[in-house]
């Protein structure tokens, strides 16, 4: 089960659908979160935002969730704010995992997408910190024109160098944000990128990784209909 705990973020990514929430209360109150957690019927819990790492009561929230026997407690974040000390505190509060957003290993492309708020080198350092504390880590990749050509190599590098074996790909749809001026930068044609997409599926089949695809149309998958 997913629970929003923040409406604020320290990134302003081009593909983000949640800018409209930024003018609401920054942090959901602990009392509201406590009630939501207590009412859930699942033993798997994910906190998201915004960036949930910014919530001033995050440790207490995780501790409360762990006290009522959630088997898995994770965050969905851009990782900004992670330090070895904070990671240690999160582990001690019984956080079990963190899913992080990723574009690609091209510094300029990464910076364009995130508006330079989190440098690629900082993200990589944060991933290494998470791995050093043995958190379960999932890589969430919003697929767009700036990263689709390099996705196969990115997946190989994330798996072989950083031990990431769980991935979620999210498609970019222009109508998600109809007034977004970045459509020309982010949108792509599955027909035009057929070769790169087919290579991506070959890489996925060659590695012992878990993948999920969200919001993709049938033309993206081509012959790889099993996904």
C-alpha atoms as a PDB file:
ATOM      1  CA  UNK A   1       0.000   0.000   0.000  1.00  0.00           C
ATOM      2  CA  UNK A   2       1.259   3.495  -0.883  1.00  0.00           C
ATOM      3  CA  UNK A   3       0.800   6.523   1.382  1.00  0.00           C
ATOM      4  CA  UNK A   4       1.684  10.113   0.490  1.00  0.00           C
ATOM      5  CA  UNK A   5       3.408  11.862   3.388  1.00  0.00           C
ATOM      6  CA  UNK A   6       4.790  14.991   1.694  1.00  0.00           C
ATOM      7  CA  UNK A   7       3.745  17.493  -0.961  1.00  0.00           C
ATOM      8  CA  UNK A   8       7.152  19.088  -1.240  1.00  0.00           C
ATOM      9  CA  UNK A   9      10.281  18.077  -3.130  1.00  0.00           C
ATOM     10  CA  UNK A  10      13.836  19.316  -3.599  1.00  0.00           C
ATOM     11  CA  UNK A  11      13.728  18.477  -7.301  1.00  0.00           C
ATOM     12  CA  UNK A  12      11.567  19.891 -10.083  1.00  0.00           C
ATOM     13  CA  UNK A  13      11.843  17.126 -12.674  1.00  0.00           C
ATOM     14  CA  UNK A  14      10.397  17.732 -16.128  1.00  0.00           C
ATOM     15  CA  UNK A  15       8.285  14.586 -16.116  1.00  0.00           C
ATOM     16  CA  UNK A  16       6.812  15.060 -12.622  1.00  0.00           C
ATOM     17  CA  UNK A  17       3.000  15.051 -12.496  1.00  0.00           C
ATOM     18  CA  UNK A  18       2.747  16.442  -8.988  1.00  0.00           C
ATOM     19  CA  UNK A  19       3.641  20.143  -9.272  1.00  0.00           C
ATOM     20  CA  UNK A  20      -0.027  20.971  -8.719  1.00  0.00           C
ATOM     21  CA  UNK A  21       0.294  19.594  -5.170  1.00  0.00           C
ATOM     22  CA  UNK A  22       3.198  21.827  -4.189  1.00  0.00           C
ATOM     23  CA  UNK A  23       0.917  24.635  -2.984  1.00  0.00           C
ATOM     24  CA  UNK A  24      -0.795  22.335  -0.479  1.00  0.00           C
ATOM     25  CA  UNK A  25       0.480  21.574   3.010  1.00  0.00           C
ATOM     26  CA  UNK A  26       4.103  20.473   2.747  1.00  0.00           C
ATOM     27  CA  UNK A  27       3.893  17.610   5.204  1.00  0.00           C
ATOM     28  CA  UNK A  28       0.998  15.342   6.032  1.00  0.00           C
ATOM     29  CA  UNK A  29       0.609  15.334   9.819  1.00  0.00           C
ATOM     30  CA  UNK A  30       1.829  12.384  11.829  1.00  0.00           C
ATOM     31  CA  UNK A  31      -1.691  11.897  13.188  1.00  0.00           C
ATOM     32  CA  UNK A  32      -3.171  11.633   9.674  1.00  0.00           C
ATOM     33  CA  UNK A  33      -0.439   9.210   8.646  1.00  0.00           C
ATOM     34  CA  UNK A  34      -0.883   7.160  11.826  1.00  0.00           C
ATOM     35  CA  UNK A  35      -4.597   6.738  11.132  1.00  0.00           C
ATOM     36  CA  UNK A  36      -3.924   5.755   7.507  1.00  0.00           C
ATOM     37  CA  UNK A  37      -1.291   3.222   8.509  1.00  0.00           C
ATOM     38  CA  UNK A  38      -3.538   1.695  11.152  1.00  0.00           C
ATOM     39  CA  UNK A  39      -6.378   1.211   8.658  1.00  0.00           C
ATOM     40  CA  UNK A  40      -4.363  -0.601   6.002  1.00  0.00           C
ATOM     41  CA  UNK A  41      -4.948  -4.287   5.311  1.00  0.00           C
ATOM     42  CA  UNK A  42      -1.573  -4.976   3.694  1.00  0.00           C
ATOM     43  CA  UNK A  43       1.772  -5.761   5.348  1.00  0.00           C
ATOM     44  CA  UNK A  44       3.730  -3.965   2.608  1.00  0.00           C
ATOM     45  CA  UNK A  45       3.959  -0.179   2.918  1.00  0.00           C
ATOM     46  CA  UNK A  46       5.549   2.523   0.735  1.00  0.00           C
ATOM     47  CA  UNK A  47       5.790   6.209   1.614  1.00  0.00           C
ATOM     48  CA  UNK A  48       5.992   8.672  -1.262  1.00  0.00           C
ATOM     49  CA  UNK A  49       5.613  12.403  -2.011  1.00  0.00           C
ATOM     50  CA  UNK A  50       7.197  14.715  -3.050  1.00  0.00           C
ATOM     51  CA  UNK A  51      10.340  13.507  -1.414  1.00  0.00           C
ATOM     52  CA  UNK A  52       9.413  11.641   1.802  1.00  0.00           C
ATOM     53  CA  UNK A  53      12.982  12.055   3.073  1.00  0.00           C
ATOM     54  CA  UNK A  54      12.087  15.692   3.782  1.00  0.00           C
ATOM     55  CA  UNK A  55       9.359  14.873   6.308  1.00  0.00           C
ATOM     56  CA  UNK A  56      10.571  16.115   9.710  1.00  0.00           C
ATOM     57  CA  UNK A  57       8.925  13.168  11.504  1.00  0.00           C
ATOM     58  CA  UNK A  58       9.963  10.467   9.054  1.00  0.00           C
ATOM     59  CA  UNK A  59      11.825   8.361  11.609  1.00  0.00           C
ATOM     60  CA  UNK A  60       8.874   8.392  13.986  1.00  0.00           C
ATOM     61  CA  UNK A  61       6.527   7.478  11.124  1.00  0.00           C
ATOM     62  CA  UNK A  62       8.662   4.486  10.156  1.00  0.00           C
ATOM     63  CA  UNK A  63       9.019   3.419  13.770  1.00  0.00           C
ATOM     64  CA  UNK A  64       5.266   3.512  14.250  1.00  0.00           C
ATOM     65  CA  UNK A  65       4.688   1.475  11.083  1.00  0.00           C
ATOM     66  CA  UNK A  66       7.218  -1.128  12.216  1.00  0.00           C
ATOM     67  CA  UNK A  67       5.583  -1.298  15.655  1.00  0.00           C
ATOM     68  CA  UNK A  68       2.362  -2.602  14.116  1.00  0.00           C
ATOM     69  CA  UNK A  69       4.152  -5.345  12.211  1.00  0.00           C
ATOM     70  CA  UNK A  70       4.540  -4.162   8.656  1.00  0.00           C
ATOM     71  CA  UNK A  71       6.759  -6.708   6.947  1.00  0.00           C
ATOM     72  CA  UNK A  72       8.129  -4.234   4.393  1.00  0.00           C
ATOM     73  CA  UNK A  73       8.466  -0.450   4.786  1.00  0.00           C
ATOM     74  CA  UNK A  74      10.016   1.491   1.928  1.00  0.00           C
ATOM     75  CA  UNK A  75      10.315   4.983   0.463  1.00  0.00           C
ATOM     76  CA  UNK A  76      10.036   6.330  -3.080  1.00  0.00           C
ATOM     77  CA  UNK A  77      12.497   9.204  -3.338  1.00  0.00           C
ATOM     78  CA  UNK A  78      15.040  11.087  -5.415  1.00  0.00           C
ATOM     79  CA  UNK A  79      17.528  10.152  -2.596  1.00  0.00           C
ATOM     80  CA  UNK A  80      18.458  13.798  -1.942  1.00  0.00           C
ATOM     81  CA  UNK A  81      19.100  14.086   1.772  1.00  0.00           C
ATOM     82  CA  UNK A  82      20.532  10.605   2.252  1.00  0.00           C
ATOM     83  CA  UNK A  83      23.754  10.516   4.251  1.00  0.00           C
ATOM     84  CA  UNK A  84      25.476   7.581   5.944  1.00  0.00           C
ATOM     85  CA  UNK A  85      24.230   8.842   9.323  1.00  0.00           C
ATOM     86  CA  UNK A  86      20.640   9.279   8.102  1.00  0.00           C
ATOM     87  CA  UNK A  87      20.741   5.886   6.375  1.00  0.00           C
ATOM     88  CA  UNK A  88      21.826   4.332   9.664  1.00  0.00           C
ATOM     89  CA  UNK A  89      18.931   6.025  11.473  1.00  0.00           C
ATOM     90  CA  UNK A  90      16.483   4.839   8.814  1.00  0.00           C
ATOM     91  CA  UNK A  91      17.750   1.285   9.143  1.00  0.00           C
ATOM     92  CA  UNK A  92      17.486   1.422  12.924  1.00  0.00           C
ATOM     93  CA  UNK A  93      13.888   2.650  12.552  1.00  0.00           C
ATOM     94  CA  UNK A  94      13.269  -0.514  10.461  1.00  0.00           C
ATOM     95  CA  UNK A  95      13.089   0.947   6.989  1.00  0.00           C
ATOM     96  CA  UNK A  96      13.612  -2.007   4.662  1.00  0.00           C
ATOM     97  CA  UNK A  97      13.993  -0.439   1.232  1.00  0.00           C
ATOM     98  CA  UNK A  98      14.091   2.625  -0.987  1.00  0.00           C
ATOM     99  CA  UNK A  99      13.055   3.082  -4.604  1.00  0.00           C
ATOM    100  CA  UNK A 100      14.891   5.850  -6.423  1.00  0.00           C
ATOM    101  CA  UNK A 101      14.266   7.754  -9.642  1.00  0.00           C
ATOM    102  CA  UNK A 102      16.879   7.523 -12.371  1.00  0.00           C
ATOM    103  CA  UNK A 103      17.278   8.976 -15.869  1.00  0.00           C
ATOM    104  CA  UNK A 104      20.632   7.844 -17.267  1.00  0.00           C
ATOM    105  CA  UNK A 105      24.388   8.066 -16.756  1.00  0.00           C
ATOM    106  CA  UNK A 106      24.742  11.065 -19.075  1.00  0.00           C
ATOM    107  CA  UNK A 107      25.485  14.058 -16.842  1.00  0.00           C
ATOM    108  CA  UNK A 108      23.934  16.722 -19.069  1.00  0.00           C
ATOM    109  CA  UNK A 109      20.772  14.719 -19.744  1.00  0.00           C
ATOM    110  CA  UNK A 110      20.358  13.960 -16.035  1.00  0.00           C
ATOM    111  CA  UNK A 111      20.805  17.634 -15.171  1.00  0.00           C
ATOM    112  CA  UNK A 112      18.265  18.793 -17.754  1.00  0.00           C
ATOM    113  CA  UNK A 113      15.647  16.392 -16.399  1.00  0.00           C
ATOM    114  CA  UNK A 114      16.197  17.303 -12.727  1.00  0.00           C
ATOM    115  CA  UNK A 115      16.892  21.018 -13.255  1.00  0.00           C
ATOM    116  CA  UNK A 116      20.320  20.609 -11.655  1.00  0.00           C
ATOM    117  CA  UNK A 117      18.880  20.125  -8.146  1.00  0.00           C
ATOM    118  CA  UNK A 118      20.576  16.758  -7.641  1.00  0.00           C
ATOM    119  CA  UNK A 119      23.788  16.078  -9.514  1.00  0.00           C
ATOM    120  CA  UNK A 120      24.352  12.683 -11.105  1.00  0.00           C
ATOM    121  CA  UNK A 121      27.453  12.193  -8.939  1.00  0.00           C
ATOM    122  CA  UNK A 122      25.351  12.869  -5.822  1.00  0.00           C
ATOM    123  CA  UNK A 123      22.703  10.362  -6.900  1.00  0.00           C
ATOM    124  CA  UNK A 124      25.323   7.677  -7.518  1.00  0.00           C
ATOM    125  CA  UNK A 125      26.898   8.345  -4.113  1.00  0.00           C
ATOM    126  CA  UNK A 126      23.481   8.028  -2.491  1.00  0.00           C
ATOM    127  CA  UNK A 127      22.837   4.723  -4.268  1.00  0.00           C
ATOM    128  CA  UNK A 128      26.158   3.436  -2.946  1.00  0.00           C
ATOM    129  CA  UNK A 129      25.198   4.529   0.579  1.00  0.00           C
ATOM    130  CA  UNK A 130      21.904   2.647   0.337  1.00  0.00           C
ATOM    131  CA  UNK A 131      23.677  -0.457  -0.899  1.00  0.00           C
ATOM    132  CA  UNK A 132      26.262  -0.250   1.892  1.00  0.00           C
ATOM    133  CA  UNK A 133      23.442  -0.421   4.447  1.00  0.00           C
ATOM    134  CA  UNK A 134      21.902  -3.345   2.556  1.00  0.00           C
ATOM    135  CA  UNK A 135      18.563  -1.687   1.860  1.00  0.00           C
ATOM    136  CA  UNK A 136      16.422  -3.283  -0.799  1.00  0.00           C
ATOM    137  CA  UNK A 137      16.702  -0.862  -3.730  1.00  0.00           C
ATOM    138  CA  UNK A 138      14.456  -0.464  -6.751  1.00  0.00           C
ATOM    139  CA  UNK A 139      15.238   1.756  -9.722  1.00  0.00           C
ATOM    140  CA  UNK A 140      12.291   3.700 -11.182  1.00  0.00           C
ATOM    141  CA  UNK A 141      12.962   5.025 -14.691  1.00  0.00           C
ATOM    142  CA  UNK A 142      10.542   7.432 -16.411  1.00  0.00           C
ATOM    143  CA  UNK A 143      11.253   6.623 -20.068  1.00  0.00           C
ATOM    144  CA  UNK A 144      11.698   9.682 -22.285  1.00  0.00           C
ATOM    145  CA  UNK A 145      13.469  10.909 -25.391  1.00  0.00           C
ATOM    146  CA  UNK A 146      16.580  11.856 -23.436  1.00  0.00           C
ATOM    147  CA  UNK A 147      17.233   8.396 -22.007  1.00  0.00           C
ATOM    148  CA  UNK A 148      15.611   5.820 -24.276  1.00  0.00           C
ATOM    149  CA  UNK A 149      18.717   5.319 -26.427  1.00  0.00           C
ATOM    150  CA  UNK A 150      20.900   4.549 -23.410  1.00  0.00           C
ATOM    151  CA  UNK A 151      18.465   2.429 -21.377  1.00  0.00           C
ATOM    152  CA  UNK A 152      20.097  -0.932 -22.215  1.00  0.00           C
ATOM    153  CA  UNK A 153      23.536   0.220 -21.070  1.00  0.00           C
ATOM    154  CA  UNK A 154      22.072   1.926 -18.008  1.00  0.00           C
ATOM    155  CA  UNK A 155      20.341  -1.292 -16.921  1.00  0.00           C
ATOM    156  CA  UNK A 156      23.525  -3.313 -17.362  1.00  0.00           C
ATOM    157  CA  UNK A 157      25.561  -0.771 -15.375  1.00  0.00           C
ATOM    158  CA  UNK A 158      23.009  -0.469 -12.566  1.00  0.00           C
ATOM    159  CA  UNK A 159      22.884  -4.241 -12.222  1.00  0.00           C
ATOM    160  CA  UNK A 160      26.570  -5.103 -12.583  1.00  0.00           C
ATOM    161  CA  UNK A 161      28.153  -2.121 -10.840  1.00  0.00           C
ATOM    162  CA  UNK A 162      25.543  -1.214  -8.232  1.00  0.00           C
ATOM    163  CA  UNK A 163      23.688  -4.488  -7.689  1.00  0.00           C
ATOM    164  CA  UNK A 164      20.252  -3.157  -8.671  1.00  0.00           C
ATOM    165  CA  UNK A 165      18.036  -6.039  -9.760  1.00  0.00           C
ATOM    166  CA  UNK A 166      14.521  -4.564  -9.526  1.00  0.00           C
ATOM    167  CA  UNK A 167      13.314  -2.001 -12.065  1.00  0.00           C
ATOM    168  CA  UNK A 168      10.114  -0.164 -12.877  1.00  0.00           C
ATOM    169  CA  UNK A 169       9.735   1.668 -16.182  1.00  0.00           C
ATOM    170  CA  UNK A 170       7.119   4.419 -16.455  1.00  0.00           C
ATOM    171  CA  UNK A 171       6.036   5.738 -19.819  1.00  0.00           C
ATOM    172  CA  UNK A 172       5.772   9.454 -20.494  1.00  0.00           C
ATOM    173  CA  UNK A 173       2.395  10.456 -21.930  1.00  0.00           C
ATOM    174  CA  UNK A 174       2.018  14.050 -23.176  1.00  0.00           C
ATOM    175  CA  UNK A 175      -1.615  14.195 -22.094  1.00  0.00           C
ATOM    176  CA  UNK A 176      -0.575  13.617 -18.467  1.00  0.00           C
ATOM    177  CA  UNK A 177       0.408  17.273 -18.423  1.00  0.00           C
ATOM    178  CA  UNK A 178      -1.298  18.897 -21.429  1.00  0.00           C
ATOM    179  CA  UNK A 179       0.296  22.303 -20.903  1.00  0.00           C
ATOM    180  CA  UNK A 180       3.795  21.025 -20.325  1.00  0.00           C
ATOM    181  CA  UNK A 181       6.225  22.930 -22.529  1.00  0.00           C
ATOM    182  CA  UNK A 182       8.707  20.037 -22.346  1.00  0.00           C
ATOM    183  CA  UNK A 183       6.745  17.581 -24.515  1.00  0.00           C
ATOM    184  CA  UNK A 184       9.138  18.011 -27.415  1.00  0.00           C
ATOM    185  CA  UNK A 185      12.076  17.082 -25.194  1.00  0.00           C
ATOM    186  CA  UNK A 186      10.407  14.162 -23.423  1.00  0.00           C
ATOM    187  CA  UNK A 187       8.117  12.563 -26.013  1.00  0.00           C
ATOM    188  CA  UNK A 188       9.348   9.807 -28.305  1.00  0.00           C
ATOM    189  CA  UNK A 189       7.956   7.464 -30.933  1.00  0.00           C
ATOM    190  CA  UNK A 190       8.091   3.732 -30.241  1.00  0.00           C
ATOM    191  CA  UNK A 191       8.171   3.176 -34.001  1.00  0.00           C
ATOM    192  CA  UNK A 192      11.242   5.403 -34.424  1.00  0.00           C
ATOM    193  CA  UNK A 193      12.963   3.822 -31.400  1.00  0.00           C
ATOM    194  CA  UNK A 194      12.078   0.208 -32.244  1.00  0.00           C
ATOM    195  CA  UNK A 195      15.728  -0.904 -32.488  1.00  0.00           C
ATOM    196  CA  UNK A 196      16.703   0.588 -29.123  1.00  0.00           C
ATOM    197  CA  UNK A 197      13.586  -0.814 -27.441  1.00  0.00           C
ATOM    198  CA  UNK A 198      14.241  -4.295 -28.802  1.00  0.00           C
ATOM    199  CA  UNK A 199      17.802  -4.119 -27.471  1.00  0.00           C
ATOM    200  CA  UNK A 200      16.385  -3.125 -24.079  1.00  0.00           C
ATOM    201  CA  UNK A 201      14.199  -6.245 -23.995  1.00  0.00           C
ATOM    202  CA  UNK A 202      17.147  -8.439 -25.001  1.00  0.00           C
ATOM    203  CA  UNK A 203      19.164  -7.002 -22.111  1.00  0.00           C
ATOM    204  CA  UNK A 204      16.272  -7.561 -19.699  1.00  0.00           C
ATOM    205  CA  UNK A 205      15.985 -11.207 -20.781  1.00  0.00           C
ATOM    206  CA  UNK A 206      19.740 -11.706 -20.381  1.00  0.00           C
ATOM    207  CA  UNK A 207      19.925 -10.521 -16.760  1.00  0.00           C
ATOM    208  CA  UNK A 208      18.437 -11.998 -13.553  1.00  0.00           C
ATOM    209  CA  UNK A 209      16.369  -8.882 -12.872  1.00  0.00           C
ATOM    210  CA  UNK A 210      12.738  -8.145 -12.044  1.00  0.00           C
ATOM    211  CA  UNK A 211      10.953  -5.578 -14.220  1.00  0.00           C
ATOM    212  CA  UNK A 212       7.601  -3.845 -14.316  1.00  0.00           C
ATOM    213  CA  UNK A 213       6.180  -1.561 -17.009  1.00  0.00           C
ATOM    214  CA  UNK A 214       3.588   1.130 -16.242  1.00  0.00           C
ATOM    215  CA  UNK A 215       1.463   3.166 -18.681  1.00  0.00           C
ATOM    216  CA  UNK A 216       2.992   1.757 -21.869  1.00  0.00           C
ATOM    217  CA  UNK A 217       0.947   1.155 -25.014  1.00  0.00           C
ATOM    218  CA  UNK A 218       1.112  -2.132 -26.930  1.00  0.00           C
ATOM    219  CA  UNK A 219       3.287  -0.692 -29.696  1.00  0.00           C
ATOM    220  CA  UNK A 220       6.163  -0.270 -27.215  1.00  0.00           C
ATOM    221  CA  UNK A 221       6.464  -4.001 -26.557  1.00  0.00           C
ATOM    222  CA  UNK A 222       6.619  -5.220 -30.157  1.00  0.00           C
ATOM    223  CA  UNK A 223       7.342  -8.961 -30.032  1.00  0.00           C
ATOM    224  CA  UNK A 224       8.034  -8.877 -26.286  1.00  0.00           C
ATOM    225  CA  UNK A 225       4.388  -9.338 -25.389  1.00  0.00           C
ATOM    226  CA  UNK A 226       5.211 -11.352 -22.250  1.00  0.00           C
ATOM    227  CA  UNK A 227       5.955  -8.086 -20.488  1.00  0.00           C
END
